[in-house]
Amino acid sequence: MDIQRYALIGAIAVLSWMLLTEWVIFKDKATEQQAVMTPAFAPSESVSLDDSSSDIPSIIDASDESSLGLSNATNQGVINVTTDTLVATIDLQGGDIVYAGLRDYLAKIDDPSNPFVLLEQNARRVYVAQSGLIGPDGVDSKARAQYRSEEANYALADDQATLSVKLYHTDNAGLSVVKEFVFNRGTHLIDVNYQLSNSDVKSKTVYLFGQLKRDSSADPSSENSGMGLAPFLGAATSNADDRFKKFNFKDMLEEPYKAQTQGSWIALIQHYFLSAWIPNPDKIHTYTTRVTKDGFNIAGFLSPATVVAPGATATTSAQLYVGPKDQYTLEKISPFLELSVDYGWLWWIAQPLFWLLTKIHGLVGNWGVAIILLTVLIKGAFFKLSAASYRSMANMRRVQPKMADIREQYADDKQKQSQAMMELYKKEKINPMGGCLPILVQMPVFIALYWTLMESVELRHAPFALWINDLSVMDPYFVLPILMGASMWFMQKLNPPPPDPMQAKLMQWLPIVFTFFFLWFPAGLVLYWVVNNLLSMTQQYIITKQIENSAPQR
């Protein structure tokens, strides 16, 4: 029985399975959403979900049942905001951000005038960031507040560090609200401030909410891919028991989340980008997720009550992040927000790999070259382990004639055949598992690097050389996948041939299958595999030749 060969095939099967489970075929089927809705969730004990089609949260007051009846928002006008990083549209009905384009990230690499759109509200996708005041005196409790602004268009001037956009609303009960959006240069973080003035003789009690509403349409990253990574799409938050807790839309539908915690955040995340509400870190807020009857996925927070005394003023605020999953920026905004760059269960390996990759990029200035050098360093770290594996396989190849003789001699007695094989291994000082265990040990590093490259927004639209101008998409001419398959085939020829004809056919097909599979992989990932294969092939070739040349002297 060829233990080494079976073990090697098993190792390849495990590696293949680990890769295949990370990848799926997905096609963007844009969901047609015509109705424009508004948000909702279920916060503290005094808060309840509204059963109507509206999705604005409401405070249940036993003496005021009218708070249960909410009307849907209608578009009464918008204002436009332009900064160095964002192009945003704010709906004056409610003061929600219904459009956000990221000026420093393009939708298409060849169209510099078209920013990547994260938030939008149209027939293709509904994904908006909403906030307001609810409760006994909330201006958004029964219907969305209608705001007015001094300008229709706002722009951050070249000599400005911040841009303040103020919206104004006054209700009939004497509560005046100034909703202010503060946009800061060089960042995707927006301050959302409420200034409340009470001219009534009674105190006013309001609750600030902020939430993200999205339909279930596909991640925009899938629009130009026939096959590729199925990145996580859903909500995420952090609490005292779990630094990073995520829910896909199915989870949100089947088991709505609700927790009260301090110093946290709640977000909707997708491949490369996210939006997140970060309320006042000094207070305990209620974080929730749910799905409305109309199919909108809601993730949001509710702050404690803000009481405005008669003739007094008060403020309440939160922050909204709309931008890339840049972990070094996110970790400065709120604790554990950087974990939205999700490396999965191998994060403890992937995190140092990303750190090393960024350091190399800082020196060479090209992400493709950085990937190559990182691969070389990883290969160097496993050099001795790989050498042991290749030496074992080379020795197995050297004794193939003797193994063939044993199979022929004991063709009808498998037990004696196995005993003879083990005696041969002992005599030649060969470990039949020596070629497989080093491969298995290195698998976690390979998979971790796989996720590092896939989750790094830095590689999006990052050029390498020649025809590869975007490492995050597939090689347009399939050169790298073909090189990967060719190198895999050549490495296969350096290994001892399988004794079983079926095994031999399986091994012959593997390079073809993997080549086809890698055709749609992002070029950055394939580049890693090509370089890794070339280094492995060189090392294996040298070791094999050394052992073969020394065989006559033994």
Protein backbone atom coordinates (compact mmCIF):
# COMPACT_ATOMS: atom_id res chain seq x y z
CA MET A 1 0.00 0.00 0.00
CA ASP A 2 1.48 3.34 -1.06
CA ILE A 3 0.95 5.28 2.16
CA GLN A 4 2.83 8.36 1.02
CA ARG A 5 0.89 8.63 -2.21
CA TYR A 6 -2.49 8.25 -0.54
CA ALA A 7 -1.54 10.77 2.11
CA LEU A 8 -0.38 13.23 -0.55
CA ILE A 9 -3.63 12.89 -2.44
CA GLY A 10 -5.48 13.37 0.84
CA ALA A 11 -3.51 16.55 1.53
CA ILE A 12 -4.33 17.89 -1.92
CA ALA A 13 -7.98 16.99 -1.41
CA VAL A 14 -8.05 18.87 1.91
CA LEU A 15 -6.42 21.93 0.34
CA SER A 16 -8.85 21.82 -2.57
CA TRP A 17 -11.80 21.54 -0.22
CA MET A 18 -10.61 24.47 1.88
CA LEU A 19 -10.30 26.63 -1.21
CA LEU A 20 -13.55 25.53 -2.79
CA THR A 21 -15.53 26.27 0.37
CA GLU A 22 -14.23 29.85 0.26
CA TRP A 23 -15.34 30.43 -3.30
CA VAL A 24 -18.75 30.35 -5.01
CA ILE A 25 -20.25 31.33 -8.31
CA PHE A 26 -22.35 34.41 -7.89
CA LYS A 27 -24.08 36.66 -10.38
CA ASP A 28 -25.49 40.05 -9.52
CA LYS A 29 -29.23 39.98 -9.88
CA ALA A 30 -30.10 43.60 -9.20
CA THR A 31 -33.17 43.77 -7.02
CA GLU A 32 -35.82 46.13 -8.37
CA GLN A 33 -36.92 48.25 -5.43
CA GLN A 34 -39.33 51.07 -6.29
CA ALA A 35 -40.63 52.22 -2.93
CA VAL A 36 -38.47 54.52 -0.82
CA MET A 37 -38.75 53.50 2.81
CA THR A 38 -37.22 54.59 6.16
CA PRO A 39 -35.50 52.75 9.14
CA ALA A 40 -36.30 50.69 12.22
CA PHE A 41 -35.18 48.47 15.12
CA ALA A 42 -36.16 47.40 18.61
CA PRO A 43 -33.97 48.96 21.33
CA SER A 44 -34.54 49.08 25.12
CA GLU A 45 -37.44 47.76 27.18
CA SER A 46 -39.54 50.85 26.48
CA VAL A 47 -39.09 50.41 22.73
CA SER A 48 -41.10 48.13 20.49
CA LEU A 49 -41.05 47.24 16.83
CA ASP A 50 -43.74 48.86 14.74
CA ASP A 51 -45.89 46.29 12.95
CA SER A 52 -46.80 48.63 10.12
CA SER A 53 -44.93 48.93 6.86
CA SER A 54 -42.96 51.88 8.23
CA ASP A 55 -39.53 51.15 9.56
CA ILE A 56 -38.93 54.17 11.81
CA PRO A 57 -38.43 53.07 15.43
CA SER A 58 -41.00 54.22 17.96
CA ILE A 59 -41.13 54.64 21.72
CA ILE A 60 -44.16 52.90 23.22
CA ASP A 61 -45.94 55.20 25.69
CA ALA A 62 -49.02 53.74 27.38
CA SER A 63 -50.61 57.18 27.58
CA ASP A 64 -49.95 58.02 23.94
CA GLU A 65 -51.03 55.26 21.56
CA SER A 66 -50.76 57.66 18.64
CA SER A 67 -47.01 57.12 18.65
CA LEU A 68 -47.65 53.75 17.05
CA GLY A 69 -48.92 55.24 13.82
CA LEU A 70 -46.05 56.19 11.54
CA SER A 71 -46.16 57.41 7.98
CA ASN A 72 -43.66 56.59 5.27
CA ALA A 73 -41.19 59.21 4.11
CA THR A 74 -41.62 61.05 0.85
CA ASN A 75 -38.97 62.99 -0.97
CA GLN A 76 -39.56 66.72 -0.44
CA GLY A 77 -36.22 67.86 -1.81
CA VAL A 78 -32.53 67.12 -1.43
CA ILE A 79 -29.27 68.96 -0.98
CA ASN A 80 -25.88 67.97 -2.40
CA VAL A 81 -22.55 67.96 -0.56
CA THR A 82 -19.09 67.63 -2.11
CA THR A 83 -15.84 67.19 -0.21
CA ASP A 84 -12.41 65.88 -1.14
CA THR A 85 -13.48 62.31 -0.24
CA LEU A 86 -17.27 62.20 -0.56
CA VAL A 87 -20.14 63.19 -2.79
CA ALA A 88 -23.32 62.99 -0.74
CA THR A 89 -27.02 63.68 -1.10
CA ILE A 90 -29.18 64.46 1.93
CA ASP A 91 -32.94 64.09 1.80
CA LEU A 92 -34.61 67.03 3.55
CA GLN A 93 -37.46 64.71 4.50
CA GLY A 94 -35.86 63.26 7.61
CA GLY A 95 -32.35 64.51 6.94
CA ASP A 96 -31.11 61.09 5.79
CA ILE A 97 -28.06 60.46 3.61
CA VAL A 98 -29.53 58.74 0.56
CA TYR A 99 -26.44 58.83 -1.66
CA ALA A 100 -22.73 58.60 -0.91
CA GLY A 101 -20.06 58.29 -3.58
CA LEU A 102 -16.43 57.78 -2.58
CA ARG A 103 -14.34 60.17 -4.66
CA ASP A 104 -11.04 58.46 -3.80
CA TYR A 105 -12.38 55.05 -4.90
CA LEU A 106 -13.62 54.64 -8.44
CA ALA A 107 -16.49 52.47 -9.61
CA LYS A 108 -14.42 51.50 -12.65
CA ILE A 109 -10.70 51.89 -12.98
CA ASP A 110 -10.96 53.43 -16.45
CA ASP A 111 -13.55 56.07 -15.46
CA PRO A 112 -12.02 58.64 -13.07
CA SER A 113 -15.18 60.77 -13.10
CA ASN A 114 -17.36 58.00 -11.67
CA PRO A 115 -16.87 57.40 -7.91
CA PHE A 116 -17.72 54.13 -6.22
CA VAL A 117 -21.26 54.44 -4.87
CA LEU A 118 -21.78 52.95 -1.42
CA LEU A 119 -25.11 54.51 -0.43
CA GLU A 120 -27.89 54.96 -2.97
CA GLN A 121 -31.66 54.98 -3.28
CA ASN A 122 -32.96 53.98 -6.69
CA ALA A 123 -34.43 51.08 -8.65
CA ARG A 124 -31.10 49.25 -8.57
CA ARG A 125 -30.44 49.37 -4.85
CA VAL A 126 -31.78 50.91 -1.63
CA TYR A 127 -29.02 51.47 0.91
CA VAL A 128 -29.25 54.60 3.06
CA ALA A 129 -28.03 56.00 6.39
CA GLN A 130 -30.81 57.41 8.53
CA SER A 131 -31.05 59.25 11.81
CA GLY A 132 -33.64 61.18 13.75
CA LEU A 133 -35.38 61.96 17.02
CA ILE A 134 -38.18 59.79 18.35
CA GLY A 135 -40.02 59.45 21.64
CA PRO A 136 -42.80 61.51 23.29
CA ASP A 137 -41.58 64.74 21.69
CA GLY A 138 -39.47 63.37 18.84
CA VAL A 139 -39.86 65.19 15.54
CA ASP A 140 -39.60 61.87 13.69
CA SER A 141 -42.03 59.87 15.83
CA LYS A 142 -45.20 60.15 13.74
CA ALA A 143 -43.68 61.20 10.42
CA ARG A 144 -40.26 62.20 9.22
CA ALA A 145 -39.34 65.75 10.04
CA GLN A 146 -39.32 68.15 7.10
CA TYR A 147 -36.10 70.14 7.22
CA ARG A 148 -35.04 73.23 5.35
CA SER A 149 -31.55 74.38 4.43
CA GLU A 150 -29.97 77.65 3.47
CA GLU A 151 -28.30 76.23 0.38
CA ALA A 152 -29.03 73.51 -2.15
CA ASN A 153 -25.37 72.71 -2.75
CA TYR A 154 -22.42 72.65 -0.36
CA ALA A 155 -18.76 72.15 -1.21
CA LEU A 156 -15.59 71.93 0.86
CA ALA A 157 -13.31 74.72 -0.32
CA ASP A 158 -9.62 74.11 -0.84
CA ASP A 159 -8.73 76.20 2.22
CA GLN A 160 -11.32 74.55 4.48
CA ALA A 161 -10.63 71.76 6.95
CA THR A 162 -14.30 71.15 7.75
CA LEU A 163 -17.66 71.75 6.11
CA SER A 164 -20.79 72.32 8.20
CA VAL A 165 -24.17 71.58 6.66
CA LYS A 166 -27.11 72.65 8.83
CA LEU A 167 -30.74 71.66 8.46
CA TYR A 168 -33.55 73.41 10.36
CA HIS A 169 -36.90 72.22 11.71
CA THR A 170 -39.44 73.68 14.16
CA ASP A 171 -42.49 71.79 15.34
CA ASN A 172 -45.77 73.20 16.61
CA ALA A 173 -44.99 72.24 20.20
CA GLY A 174 -42.07 74.64 20.53
CA LEU A 175 -39.15 72.30 19.83
CA SER A 176 -36.62 73.70 17.37
CA VAL A 177 -34.05 71.33 15.88
CA VAL A 178 -30.83 72.07 14.05
CA LYS A 179 -29.45 68.92 12.47
CA GLU A 180 -25.82 69.48 11.53
CA PHE A 181 -23.59 67.33 9.35
CA VAL A 182 -19.88 68.06 9.75
CA PHE A 183 -17.66 66.75 6.95
CA ASN A 184 -13.91 66.69 7.62
CA ARG A 185 -11.16 66.90 5.04
CA GLY A 186 -9.28 63.70 4.32
CA THR A 187 -11.74 61.38 6.04
CA HIS A 188 -14.94 59.44 5.45
CA LEU A 189 -16.16 60.08 8.98
CA ILE A 190 -19.14 62.40 9.37
CA ASP A 191 -20.27 64.06 12.60
CA VAL A 192 -24.06 64.22 12.99
CA ASN A 193 -25.05 66.74 15.67
CA TYR A 194 -28.48 67.75 16.96
CA GLN A 195 -29.00 71.12 18.66
CA LEU A 196 -32.35 71.27 20.45
CA SER A 197 -34.10 74.40 21.73
CA ASN A 198 -37.30 74.26 23.82
CA SER A 199 -39.53 77.35 23.83
CA ASP A 200 -42.41 75.52 25.49
CA VAL A 201 -43.34 75.58 29.18
CA LYS A 202 -42.99 71.78 29.38
CA SER A 203 -39.86 69.66 29.17
CA LYS A 204 -39.19 67.78 25.93
CA THR A 205 -37.93 64.19 25.84
CA VAL A 206 -36.40 62.74 22.71
CA TYR A 207 -34.30 59.73 21.77
CA LEU A 208 -31.64 59.84 19.07
CA PHE A 209 -31.57 56.92 16.66
CA GLY A 210 -29.20 56.12 13.84
CA GLN A 211 -29.52 53.21 11.48
CA LEU A 212 -28.61 51.71 8.16
CA LYS A 213 -31.26 50.38 5.82
CA ARG A 214 -30.47 48.11 2.91
CA ASP A 215 -32.32 45.79 0.58
CA SER A 216 -30.96 42.32 -0.17
CA SER A 217 -29.43 43.11 -3.55
CA ALA A 218 -26.01 41.66 -4.30
CA ASP A 219 -22.72 43.18 -3.28
CA PRO A 220 -21.58 45.57 -6.06
CA SER A 221 -18.23 43.77 -6.07
CA SER A 222 -19.94 40.87 -7.85
CA GLU A 223 -21.25 42.88 -10.78
CA ASN A 224 -18.30 42.24 -13.07
CA SER A 225 -17.50 38.72 -11.95
CA GLY A 226 -18.69 35.43 -13.35
CA MET A 227 -16.96 33.53 -10.55
CA GLY A 228 -15.26 34.81 -7.48
CA LEU A 229 -15.19 35.21 -3.76
CA ALA A 230 -18.59 35.50 -2.11
CA PRO A 231 -17.71 38.19 0.44
CA PHE A 232 -19.75 38.58 3.59
CA LEU A 233 -22.71 40.89 3.20
CA GLY A 234 -24.63 41.84 6.32
CA ALA A 235 -24.53 43.59 9.67
CA ALA A 236 -21.86 43.58 12.35
CA THR A 237 -21.40 44.99 15.82
CA SER A 238 -19.34 44.62 18.97
CA ASN A 239 -20.38 43.92 22.54
CA ALA A 240 -18.93 42.93 25.90
CA ASP A 241 -19.08 39.22 25.09
CA ASP A 242 -18.01 39.30 21.45
CA ARG A 243 -15.53 41.76 19.98
CA PHE A 244 -16.91 41.18 16.48
CA LYS A 245 -20.36 39.74 15.94
CA LYS A 246 -21.83 39.54 12.45
CA PHE A 247 -25.21 38.61 11.00
CA ASN A 248 -26.08 37.94 7.40
CA PHE A 249 -29.52 38.99 6.19
CA LYS A 250 -30.94 35.54 6.85
CA ASP A 251 -29.71 35.70 10.45
CA MET A 252 -31.32 39.12 10.84
CA LEU A 253 -34.62 37.74 9.60
CA GLU A 254 -34.65 34.59 11.71
CA GLU A 255 -33.19 35.96 14.94
CA PRO A 256 -33.16 39.77 15.38
CA TYR A 257 -30.28 41.03 17.51
CA LYS A 258 -30.71 43.29 20.53
CA ALA A 259 -28.10 44.33 23.08
CA GLN A 260 -27.23 47.27 25.29
CA THR A 261 -23.57 48.20 25.53
CA GLN A 262 -21.20 51.13 25.83
CA GLY A 263 -18.45 52.25 23.48
CA SER A 264 -19.66 50.19 20.54
CA TRP A 265 -20.83 50.60 16.95
CA ILE A 266 -23.08 48.95 14.39
CA ALA A 267 -22.37 48.54 10.70
CA LEU A 268 -23.38 47.09 7.38
CA ILE A 269 -20.37 45.55 5.69
CA GLN A 270 -19.59 44.26 2.23
CA HIS A 271 -16.48 43.51 0.20
CA TYR A 272 -13.95 46.34 0.68
CA PHE A 273 -16.45 48.90 2.09
CA LEU A 274 -18.77 49.55 5.02
CA SER A 275 -21.05 52.08 6.64
CA ALA A 276 -21.15 52.32 10.42
CA TRP A 277 -22.91 54.32 13.11
CA ILE A 278 -20.74 55.18 16.12
CA PRO A 279 -22.79 56.83 18.90
CA ASN A 280 -21.41 58.63 21.96
CA PRO A 281 -18.91 56.17 23.51
CA ASP A 282 -19.58 57.50 27.03
CA LYS A 283 -23.20 56.32 27.10
CA ILE A 284 -24.96 52.96 26.96
CA HIS A 285 -26.90 52.52 23.73
CA THR A 286 -29.23 49.84 22.45
CA TYR A 287 -28.09 48.09 19.26
CA THR A 288 -30.48 46.06 17.14
CA THR A 289 -30.98 44.37 13.81
CA ARG A 290 -34.17 43.28 12.09
CA VAL A 291 -35.89 42.85 8.72
CA THR A 292 -39.04 44.81 7.90
CA LYS A 293 -42.16 43.40 6.31
CA ASP A 294 -41.09 45.05 3.07
CA GLY A 295 -37.81 43.13 3.09
CA PHE A 296 -35.44 45.89 4.16
CA ASN A 297 -32.56 44.92 6.43
CA ILE A 298 -32.13 47.29 9.36
CA ALA A 299 -29.15 47.72 11.69
CA GLY A 300 -29.12 50.60 14.13
CA PHE A 301 -28.80 52.08 17.60
CA LEU A 302 -30.99 54.02 20.03
CA SER A 303 -29.47 56.45 22.51
CA PRO A 304 -30.71 57.20 26.03
CA ALA A 305 -33.29 59.95 26.49
CA THR A 306 -32.30 63.56 26.01
CA VAL A 307 -34.44 65.90 28.14
CA VAL A 308 -34.67 69.56 27.20
CA ALA A 309 -35.98 71.74 30.02
CA PRO A 310 -38.39 74.64 29.31
CA GLY A 311 -36.53 77.54 27.74
CA ALA A 312 -33.30 75.53 27.60
CA THR A 313 -31.12 73.95 24.94
CA ALA A 314 -29.47 70.54 24.66
CA THR A 315 -27.33 68.58 22.24
CA THR A 316 -26.97 64.96 21.19
CA SER A 317 -24.77 63.47 18.51
CA ALA A 318 -23.27 60.45 16.79
CA GLN A 319 -20.76 59.72 14.05
CA LEU A 320 -21.28 58.03 10.70
CA TYR A 321 -18.51 56.33 8.73
CA VAL A 322 -19.05 55.74 5.02
CA GLY A 323 -15.95 54.44 3.35
CA PRO A 324 -13.36 51.70 2.77
CA LYS A 325 -12.44 48.91 5.18
CA ASP A 326 -9.09 50.47 6.03
CA GLN A 327 -8.30 48.71 9.29
CA TYR A 328 -5.72 51.21 10.50
CA THR A 329 -8.24 54.03 10.09
CA LEU A 330 -11.12 52.06 11.58
CA GLU A 331 -9.24 51.09 14.73
CA LYS A 332 -8.86 54.81 15.57
CA ILE A 333 -12.60 55.45 15.22
CA SER A 334 -14.00 52.84 17.62
CA PRO A 335 -12.70 49.73 19.43
CA PHE A 336 -12.79 46.58 17.30
CA LEU A 337 -14.29 48.35 14.27
CA GLU A 338 -11.17 47.26 12.38
CA LEU A 339 -12.34 43.65 12.76
CA SER A 340 -14.83 44.36 9.98
CA VAL A 341 -11.83 43.49 7.80
CA ASP A 342 -12.75 39.89 8.42
CA TYR A 343 -9.97 37.33 8.03
CA GLY A 344 -12.06 34.56 9.54
CA TRP A 345 -10.73 32.10 12.10
CA LEU A 346 -7.16 32.49 10.83
CA TRP A 347 -7.06 36.22 11.65
CA TRP A 348 -4.17 35.62 14.07
CA ILE A 349 -2.04 34.59 11.09
CA ALA A 350 -3.57 36.93 8.52
CA GLN A 351 -3.10 40.07 10.63
CA PRO A 352 0.71 39.83 10.82
CA LEU A 353 0.81 38.94 7.12
CA PHE A 354 -1.10 42.10 6.25
CA TRP A 355 1.16 44.17 8.48
CA LEU A 356 4.20 42.73 6.72
CA LEU A 357 2.62 43.27 3.31
CA THR A 358 1.97 46.96 4.04
CA LYS A 359 5.53 47.43 5.31
CA ILE A 360 6.94 45.91 2.13
CA HIS A 361 4.63 48.06 0.01
CA GLY A 362 5.87 51.12 1.87
CA LEU A 363 9.37 50.28 0.63
CA VAL A 364 8.66 49.21 -2.97
CA GLY A 365 5.50 51.22 -3.77
CA ASN A 366 3.87 48.44 -5.83
CA TRP A 367 1.38 45.97 -4.37
CA GLY A 368 2.24 43.31 -6.94
CA VAL A 369 5.94 43.49 -6.09
CA ALA A 370 4.98 43.49 -2.40
CA ILE A 371 3.03 40.24 -2.90
CA ILE A 372 6.02 38.65 -4.64
CA LEU A 373 8.42 39.66 -1.87
CA LEU A 374 5.99 38.54 0.83
CA THR A 375 5.72 35.16 -0.89
CA VAL A 376 9.51 34.90 -0.94
CA LEU A 377 9.68 35.68 2.79
CA ILE A 378 6.99 33.11 3.60
CA LYS A 379 8.74 30.54 1.45
CA GLY A 380 11.98 31.32 3.22
CA ALA A 381 10.33 30.83 6.61
CA PHE A 382 9.19 27.36 5.53
CA PHE A 383 12.37 26.56 3.60
CA LYS A 384 13.61 23.73 5.85
CA LEU A 385 10.14 22.29 6.29
CA SER A 386 9.60 22.29 2.53
CA ALA A 387 13.04 20.81 1.97
CA ALA A 388 12.13 17.89 4.24
CA SER A 389 8.96 17.33 2.26
CA TYR A 390 10.70 17.45 -1.12
CA ARG A 391 13.53 15.24 0.14
CA SER A 392 11.00 12.65 1.24
CA MET A 393 9.25 12.73 -2.13
CA ALA A 394 12.56 12.57 -3.96
CA ASN A 395 13.56 9.50 -1.97
CA MET A 396 10.21 7.92 -2.69
CA ARG A 397 10.81 8.58 -6.36
CA ARG A 398 14.31 7.04 -6.08
CA VAL A 399 13.00 3.75 -4.68
CA GLN A 400 10.07 3.50 -7.09
CA PRO A 401 11.64 0.54 -8.97
CA LYS A 402 11.99 -1.41 -5.71
CA MET A 403 8.43 -0.56 -4.73
CA ALA A 404 7.22 -1.77 -8.13
CA ASP A 405 9.05 -5.06 -7.60
CA ILE A 406 7.39 -5.53 -4.20
CA ARG A 407 3.92 -4.86 -5.67
CA GLU A 408 4.58 -7.37 -8.42
CA GLN A 409 6.01 -9.98 -6.05
CA TYR A 410 3.12 -9.75 -3.57
CA ALA A 411 0.36 -8.81 -5.96
CA ASP A 412 -2.04 -11.32 -4.38
CA ASP A 413 -1.13 -10.71 -0.74
CA LYS A 414 -1.77 -7.13 0.38
CA GLN A 415 -0.66 -7.80 3.94
CA LYS A 416 2.79 -9.08 2.92
CA GLN A 417 3.02 -6.27 0.39
CA SER A 418 2.47 -3.70 3.14
CA GLN A 419 5.00 -5.39 5.41
CA ALA A 420 7.60 -5.42 2.64
CA MET A 421 6.94 -1.76 1.93
CA MET A 422 7.43 -0.83 5.57
CA GLU A 423 10.71 -2.80 5.68
CA LEU A 424 11.85 -0.93 2.55
CA TYR A 425 10.98 2.43 4.14
CA LYS A 426 12.91 1.47 7.26
CA LYS A 427 15.92 0.25 5.30
CA GLU A 428 16.05 3.37 3.11
CA LYS A 429 15.29 5.66 6.09
CA ILE A 430 12.22 7.07 4.40
CA ASN A 431 9.23 8.50 6.26
CA PRO A 432 6.19 7.84 4.02
CA MET A 433 4.37 10.73 5.67
CA GLY A 434 7.34 13.07 5.37
CA GLY A 435 6.12 14.56 2.11
CA CYS A 436 2.64 15.33 3.39
CA LEU A 437 2.93 16.64 6.93
CA PRO A 438 4.95 19.74 5.96
CA ILE A 439 2.31 20.58 3.36
CA LEU A 440 -0.46 20.25 5.95
CA VAL A 441 1.46 22.45 8.40
CA GLN A 442 1.76 25.21 5.80
CA MET A 443 -1.92 25.12 4.77
CA PRO A 444 -3.15 27.55 7.46
CA VAL A 445 -0.59 30.13 6.31
CA PHE A 446 -1.65 29.72 2.68
CA ILE A 447 -5.34 30.11 3.54
CA ALA A 448 -4.62 33.09 5.82
CA LEU A 449 -2.69 34.82 3.05
CA TYR A 450 -5.56 34.03 0.69
CA TRP A 451 -7.92 35.97 2.98
CA THR A 452 -5.37 38.73 3.52
CA LEU A 453 -5.20 39.41 -0.20
CA MET A 454 -8.96 39.06 -0.68
CA GLU A 455 -9.94 41.41 2.15
CA SER A 456 -7.42 44.17 1.49
CA VAL A 457 -9.10 47.19 -0.09
CA GLU A 458 -5.60 48.45 -0.78
CA LEU A 459 -5.37 45.96 -3.67
CA ARG A 460 -8.57 47.25 -5.28
CA HIS A 461 -7.59 48.97 -8.55
CA ALA A 462 -3.93 48.54 -7.62
CA PRO A 463 -1.74 48.09 -10.74
CA PHE A 464 1.09 45.61 -10.99
CA ALA A 465 2.85 45.62 -14.36
CA LEU A 466 2.23 45.31 -18.10
CA TRP A 467 -1.38 44.29 -18.78
CA ILE A 468 -2.35 43.85 -15.09
CA ASN A 469 -3.70 47.19 -13.95
CA ASP A 470 -5.95 45.87 -11.18
CA LEU A 471 -4.82 43.13 -8.79
CA SER A 472 -8.33 42.70 -7.37
CA VAL A 473 -9.84 41.33 -10.61
CA MET A 474 -8.97 38.40 -12.81
CA ASP A 475 -6.11 38.46 -15.30
CA PRO A 476 -7.84 39.62 -18.52
CA TYR A 477 -5.60 37.44 -20.69
CA PHE A 478 -5.38 34.46 -18.29
CA VAL A 479 -1.59 34.50 -18.40
CA LEU A 480 -1.09 34.06 -14.66
CA PRO A 481 -3.57 31.16 -14.32
CA ILE A 482 -1.90 29.35 -17.23
CA LEU A 483 1.53 29.87 -15.67
CA MET A 484 0.16 28.57 -12.40
CA GLY A 485 -1.19 25.44 -14.09
CA ALA A 486 2.03 24.87 -16.00
CA SER A 487 4.14 25.17 -12.86
CA MET A 488 1.79 22.78 -11.06
CA TRP A 489 2.14 20.28 -13.90
CA PHE A 490 5.93 20.51 -13.83
CA MET A 491 5.99 20.04 -10.05
CA GLN A 492 3.82 16.98 -10.50
CA LYS A 493 6.43 15.48 -12.83
CA LEU A 494 9.02 15.79 -10.07
CA ASN A 495 6.93 13.63 -7.76
CA PRO A 496 6.93 9.82 -7.82
CA PRO A 497 4.20 8.56 -10.15
CA PRO A 498 1.15 6.96 -8.51
CA PRO A 499 1.10 3.17 -8.79
CA ASP A 500 -2.63 3.02 -9.25
CA PRO A 501 -3.91 3.99 -12.76
CA MET A 502 -6.94 5.81 -11.31
CA GLN A 503 -4.70 7.82 -9.01
CA ALA A 504 -2.45 8.66 -11.94
CA LYS A 505 -5.38 9.97 -13.98
CA LEU A 506 -6.60 12.03 -11.04
CA MET A 507 -3.18 13.60 -10.58
CA GLN A 508 -2.91 14.36 -14.30
CA TRP A 509 -6.20 16.23 -14.24
CA LEU A 510 -5.42 18.33 -11.17
CA PRO A 511 -3.33 21.00 -12.97
CA ILE A 512 -6.08 21.39 -15.58
CA VAL A 513 -8.82 21.64 -12.96
CA PHE A 514 -6.89 24.14 -10.88
CA THR A 515 -6.02 26.21 -13.95
CA PHE A 516 -9.68 26.45 -14.90
CA PHE A 517 -10.60 27.22 -11.32
CA PHE A 518 -8.00 30.01 -11.07
CA LEU A 519 -9.07 31.70 -14.31
CA TRP A 520 -11.50 33.87 -12.37
CA PHE A 521 -9.36 34.41 -9.28
CA PRO A 522 -8.18 37.98 -8.67
CA ALA A 523 -4.77 38.53 -10.23
CA GLY A 524 -3.20 39.30 -6.83
CA LEU A 525 -4.08 35.85 -5.53
CA VAL A 526 -2.93 34.07 -8.68
CA LEU A 527 0.31 36.03 -8.60
CA TYR A 528 0.96 34.67 -5.12
CA TRP A 529 0.31 31.08 -6.24
CA VAL A 530 2.51 31.44 -9.34
CA VAL A 531 5.43 32.80 -7.35
CA ASN A 532 4.96 30.20 -4.63
CA ASN A 533 4.85 27.41 -7.22
CA LEU A 534 7.94 28.67 -9.02
CA LEU A 535 9.90 28.85 -5.77
CA SER A 536 8.66 25.41 -4.72
CA MET A 537 9.42 23.98 -8.15
CA THR A 538 12.97 25.32 -8.06
CA GLN A 539 13.61 24.00 -4.57
CA GLN A 540 12.08 20.61 -5.36
CA TYR A 541 14.02 20.29 -8.62
CA ILE A 542 17.36 20.98 -6.93
CA ILE A 543 16.69 18.55 -4.08
CA THR A 544 15.44 15.84 -6.45
CA LYS A 545 18.51 16.12 -8.65
CA GLN A 546 20.84 16.07 -5.64
CA ILE A 547 19.28 12.83 -4.37
CA GLU A 548 19.18 11.22 -7.79
CA ASN A 549 22.84 12.10 -8.43
CA SER A 550 23.90 10.69 -5.09
CA ALA A 551 21.93 7.45 -5.52
CA PRO A 552 24.75 5.38 -7.21
CA GLN A 553 27.12 6.15 -4.32
CA ARG A 554 24.76 4.80 -1.69
